Amino acid sequence: MKEVKETSIKSSEDVILARQVAREMAKKLGFGLADQTRITTAVSELSRNIYLYAGTGRVVIKAVSGDSGKGMEIVAEDNGPGIPDIEMVMQDGYSTSKGLGQGLPGTKRLVDEFEIKSKVGAGTIVTIKKWLR
């Protein structure tokens, strides 16, 4: 299955749409309810970060297969201000928006693979994967 869904993030409604797209694909691929919730929460965090910190971006959700079996890959990317200190934002409790500081570290805990690339002034790309057990 080579299904790919892209959601542009420009508003809070788009964050909700990205969540729905992720849940639908997770369900279609056979993920259980707990993993559907993990995937949906991770997509919500990533798309919300795009909206809050970059203003606009996109979330690409696709079915993948590899050595770990089949699963989902989600790429959240923006052309926002970038993250000057990735190590710092990956610490539990660190927040630039008076939040709980659980966004990126929490997202990493919800998925099987997590990668973040960011360049100040150029944007951020977060790639996550969740494998079907």
C-alpha atoms as a PDB file:
ATOM      1  CA  MET A   1       0.000   0.000   0.000  1.00  0.00           C
ATOM      2  CA  LYS A   2       1.583   3.259  -1.150  1.00  0.00           C
ATOM      3  CA  GLU A   3      -0.895   5.643   0.394  1.00  0.00           C
ATOM      4  CA  VAL A   4       0.276   9.219   1.006  1.00  0.00           C
ATOM      5  CA  LYS A   5      -1.807  12.028   2.509  1.00  0.00           C
ATOM      6  CA  GLU A   6      -0.633  15.615   2.810  1.00  0.00           C
ATOM      7  CA  THR A   7      -2.235  18.268   4.983  1.00  0.00           C
ATOM      8  CA  SER A   8      -1.229  21.914   4.781  1.00  0.00           C
ATOM      9  CA  ILE A   9      -1.104  23.545   8.204  1.00  0.00           C
ATOM     10  CA  LYS A  10      -2.291  27.160   8.199  1.00  0.00           C
ATOM     11  CA  SER A  11      -4.951  27.203  10.918  1.00  0.00           C
ATOM     12  CA  SER A  12      -6.069  25.400  14.062  1.00  0.00           C
ATOM     13  CA  GLU A  13      -8.669  23.599  11.907  1.00  0.00           C
ATOM     14  CA  ASP A  14      -5.818  22.120   9.858  1.00  0.00           C
ATOM     15  CA  VAL A  15      -4.333  20.679  13.066  1.00  0.00           C
ATOM     16  CA  ILE A  16      -7.630  18.850  13.638  1.00  0.00           C
ATOM     17  CA  LEU A  17      -7.698  17.676  10.014  1.00  0.00           C
ATOM     18  CA  ALA A  18      -4.141  16.280  10.249  1.00  0.00           C
ATOM     19  CA  ARG A  19      -5.170  14.350  13.368  1.00  0.00           C
ATOM     20  CA  GLN A  20      -8.178  12.870  11.567  1.00  0.00           C
ATOM     21  CA  VAL A  21      -6.125  11.868   8.529  1.00  0.00           C
ATOM     22  CA  ALA A  22      -3.559  10.164  10.779  1.00  0.00           C
ATOM     23  CA  ARG A  23      -6.207   8.278  12.762  1.00  0.00           C
ATOM     24  CA  GLU A  24      -7.966   7.098   9.605  1.00  0.00           C
ATOM     25  CA  MET A  25      -4.750   5.779   8.070  1.00  0.00           C
ATOM     26  CA  ALA A  26      -3.668   4.114  11.332  1.00  0.00           C
ATOM     27  CA  LYS A  27      -7.038   2.377  11.551  1.00  0.00           C
ATOM     28  CA  LYS A  28      -6.903   1.338   7.881  1.00  0.00           C
ATOM     29  CA  LEU A  29      -3.410  -0.143   8.359  1.00  0.00           C
ATOM     30  CA  GLY A  30      -4.602  -2.230  11.306  1.00  0.00           C
ATOM     31  CA  PHE A  31      -3.162  -0.365  14.287  1.00  0.00           C
ATOM     32  CA  GLY A  32      -5.004  -1.060  17.542  1.00  0.00           C
ATOM     33  CA  LEU A  33      -6.854   1.667  19.413  1.00  0.00           C
ATOM     34  CA  ALA A  34      -3.922   2.463  21.746  1.00  0.00           C
ATOM     35  CA  ASP A  35      -1.490   2.926  18.848  1.00  0.00           C
ATOM     36  CA  GLN A  36      -4.085   4.907  16.881  1.00  0.00           C
ATOM     37  CA  THR A  37      -4.264   7.261  19.852  1.00  0.00           C
ATOM     38  CA  ARG A  38      -0.459   7.481  20.116  1.00  0.00           C
ATOM     39  CA  ILE A  39      -0.152   8.302  16.406  1.00  0.00           C
ATOM     40  CA  THR A  40      -2.978  10.832  16.532  1.00  0.00           C
ATOM     41  CA  THR A  41      -1.468  12.539  19.590  1.00  0.00           C
ATOM     42  CA  ALA A  42       1.976  12.700  17.968  1.00  0.00           C
ATOM     43  CA  VAL A  43       0.536  14.233  14.773  1.00  0.00           C
ATOM     44  CA  SER A  44      -1.456  16.688  16.857  1.00  0.00           C
ATOM     45  CA  GLU A  45       1.677  17.845  18.694  1.00  0.00           C
ATOM     46  CA  LEU A  46       3.739  18.196  15.526  1.00  0.00           C
ATOM     47  CA  SER A  47       1.067  20.032  13.539  1.00  0.00           C
ATOM     48  CA  ARG A  48       0.262  22.272  16.511  1.00  0.00           C
ATOM     49  CA  ASN A  49       3.958  23.186  16.737  1.00  0.00           C
ATOM     50  CA  ILE A  50       3.931  24.143  13.060  1.00  0.00           C
ATOM     51  CA  TYR A  51       0.902  26.363  13.586  1.00  0.00           C
ATOM     52  CA  LEU A  52       2.195  27.969  16.806  1.00  0.00           C
ATOM     53  CA  TYR A  53       5.852  28.497  15.954  1.00  0.00           C
ATOM     54  CA  ALA A  54       6.090  28.677  12.144  1.00  0.00           C
ATOM     55  CA  GLY A  55       2.599  29.776  11.152  1.00  0.00           C
ATOM     56  CA  THR A  56       2.437  27.453   8.165  1.00  0.00           C
ATOM     57  CA  GLY A  57       3.834  24.140   7.036  1.00  0.00           C
ATOM     58  CA  ARG A  58       2.701  20.679   6.089  1.00  0.00           C
ATOM     59  CA  VAL A  59       2.264  17.204   7.471  1.00  0.00           C
ATOM     60  CA  VAL A  60       2.802  14.250   5.147  1.00  0.00           C
ATOM     61  CA  ILE A  61       1.449  10.913   6.361  1.00  0.00           C
ATOM     62  CA  LYS A  62       2.239   7.726   4.513  1.00  0.00           C
ATOM     63  CA  ALA A  63       2.118   3.989   4.802  1.00  0.00           C
ATOM     64  CA  VAL A  64       5.586   2.434   4.789  1.00  0.00           C
ATOM     65  CA  SER A  65       7.162  -1.000   4.907  1.00  0.00           C
ATOM     66  CA  GLY A  66      10.671  -2.027   5.804  1.00  0.00           C
ATOM     67  CA  ASP A  67      12.754  -4.364   7.926  1.00  0.00           C
ATOM     68  CA  SER A  68      10.460  -3.606  10.874  1.00  0.00           C
ATOM     69  CA  GLY A  69       7.358  -4.645   8.910  1.00  0.00           C
ATOM     70  CA  LYS A  70       4.662  -2.198   7.929  1.00  0.00           C
ATOM     71  CA  GLY A  71       3.790   1.039   9.565  1.00  0.00           C
ATOM     72  CA  MET A  72       3.367   4.772   9.176  1.00  0.00           C
ATOM     73  CA  GLU A  73       5.783   7.601   8.564  1.00  0.00           C
ATOM     74  CA  ILE A  74       4.819  11.168   9.389  1.00  0.00           C
ATOM     75  CA  VAL A  75       6.904  14.113   8.235  1.00  0.00           C
ATOM     76  CA  ALA A  76       6.085  17.522   9.710  1.00  0.00           C
ATOM     77  CA  GLU A  77       7.920  20.373   8.026  1.00  0.00           C
ATOM     78  CA  ASP A  78       7.895  24.135   8.057  1.00  0.00           C
ATOM     79  CA  ASN A  79       9.949  27.104   6.901  1.00  0.00           C
ATOM     80  CA  GLY A  80       9.681  28.832  10.263  1.00  0.00           C
ATOM     81  CA  PRO A  81      12.330  30.294  12.540  1.00  0.00           C
ATOM     82  CA  GLY A  82      13.988  26.946  13.234  1.00  0.00           C
ATOM     83  CA  ILE A  83      15.150  25.600  16.584  1.00  0.00           C
ATOM     84  CA  PRO A  84      18.447  27.029  17.855  1.00  0.00           C
ATOM     85  CA  ASP A  85      19.020  24.324  20.494  1.00  0.00           C
ATOM     86  CA  ILE A  86      17.448  20.952  19.691  1.00  0.00           C
ATOM     87  CA  GLU A  87      18.970  19.339  22.773  1.00  0.00           C
ATOM     88  CA  MET A  88      17.231  21.886  24.996  1.00  0.00           C
ATOM     89  CA  VAL A  89      13.776  21.532  23.381  1.00  0.00           C
ATOM     90  CA  MET A  90      14.032  17.760  23.769  1.00  0.00           C
ATOM     91  CA  GLN A  91      14.254  18.094  27.557  1.00  0.00           C
ATOM     92  CA  ASP A  92      11.074  17.377  29.489  1.00  0.00           C
ATOM     93  CA  GLY A  93       9.633  20.547  30.937  1.00  0.00           C
ATOM     94  CA  TYR A  94      11.320  22.976  28.534  1.00  0.00           C
ATOM     95  CA  SER A  95       8.818  25.297  26.868  1.00  0.00           C
ATOM     96  CA  THR A  96       8.995  28.536  24.931  1.00  0.00           C
ATOM     97  CA  SER A  97       5.225  29.024  25.089  1.00  0.00           C
ATOM     98  CA  LYS A  98       4.330  28.607  28.769  1.00  0.00           C
ATOM     99  CA  GLY A  99       3.170  25.064  28.030  1.00  0.00           C
ATOM    100  CA  LEU A 100       4.066  21.906  29.942  1.00  0.00           C
ATOM    101  CA  GLY A 101       7.124  21.261  27.773  1.00  0.00           C
ATOM    102  CA  GLN A 102       5.950  17.791  26.813  1.00  0.00           C
ATOM    103  CA  GLY A 103       5.466  18.373  23.056  1.00  0.00           C
ATOM    104  CA  LEU A 104       8.575  17.068  21.305  1.00  0.00           C
ATOM    105  CA  PRO A 105       9.860  14.816  24.117  1.00  0.00           C
ATOM    106  CA  GLY A 106       6.353  13.421  24.548  1.00  0.00           C
ATOM    107  CA  THR A 107       6.022  12.848  20.815  1.00  0.00           C
ATOM    108  CA  LYS A 108       9.314  10.940  20.801  1.00  0.00           C
ATOM    109  CA  ARG A 109       8.001   8.620  23.532  1.00  0.00           C
ATOM    110  CA  LEU A 110       4.834   7.883  21.543  1.00  0.00           C
ATOM    111  CA  VAL A 111       6.577   6.556  18.432  1.00  0.00           C
ATOM    112  CA  ASP A 112       9.204   3.990  17.455  1.00  0.00           C
ATOM    113  CA  GLU A 113      11.495   6.299  15.483  1.00  0.00           C
ATOM    114  CA  PHE A 114      12.011  10.044  15.857  1.00  0.00           C
ATOM    115  CA  GLU A 115      14.308  12.401  13.958  1.00  0.00           C
ATOM    116  CA  ILE A 116      14.455  16.186  14.063  1.00  0.00           C
ATOM    117  CA  LYS A 117      16.426  18.480  11.774  1.00  0.00           C
ATOM    118  CA  SER A 118      16.315  22.226  12.113  1.00  0.00           C
ATOM    119  CA  LYS A 119      18.181  25.218  10.788  1.00  0.00           C
ATOM    120  CA  VAL A 120      17.748  28.635  12.359  1.00  0.00           C
ATOM    121  CA  GLY A 121      15.990  30.914   9.893  1.00  0.00           C
ATOM    122  CA  ALA A 122      15.176  28.054   7.532  1.00  0.00           C
ATOM    123  CA  GLY A 123      12.731  25.765   9.349  1.00  0.00           C
ATOM    124  CA  THR A 124      12.314  22.385  10.948  1.00  0.00           C
ATOM    125  CA  ILE A 125      11.588  18.859   9.737  1.00  0.00           C
ATOM    126  CA  VAL A 126      10.463  16.185  12.178  1.00  0.00           C
ATOM    127  CA  THR A 127      10.144  12.619  10.902  1.00  0.00           C
ATOM    128  CA  ILE A 128       8.471   9.952  13.023  1.00  0.00           C
ATOM    129  CA  LYS A 129       7.618   6.309  12.411  1.00  0.00           C
ATOM    130  CA  LYS A 130       5.334   3.885  14.151  1.00  0.00           C
ATOM    131  CA  TRP A 131       5.526   0.193  13.286  1.00  0.00           C
ATOM    132  CA  LEU A 132       2.627  -2.233  13.379  1.00  0.00           C
ATOM    133  CA  ARG A 133       3.223  -4.915  16.013  1.00  0.00           C
END
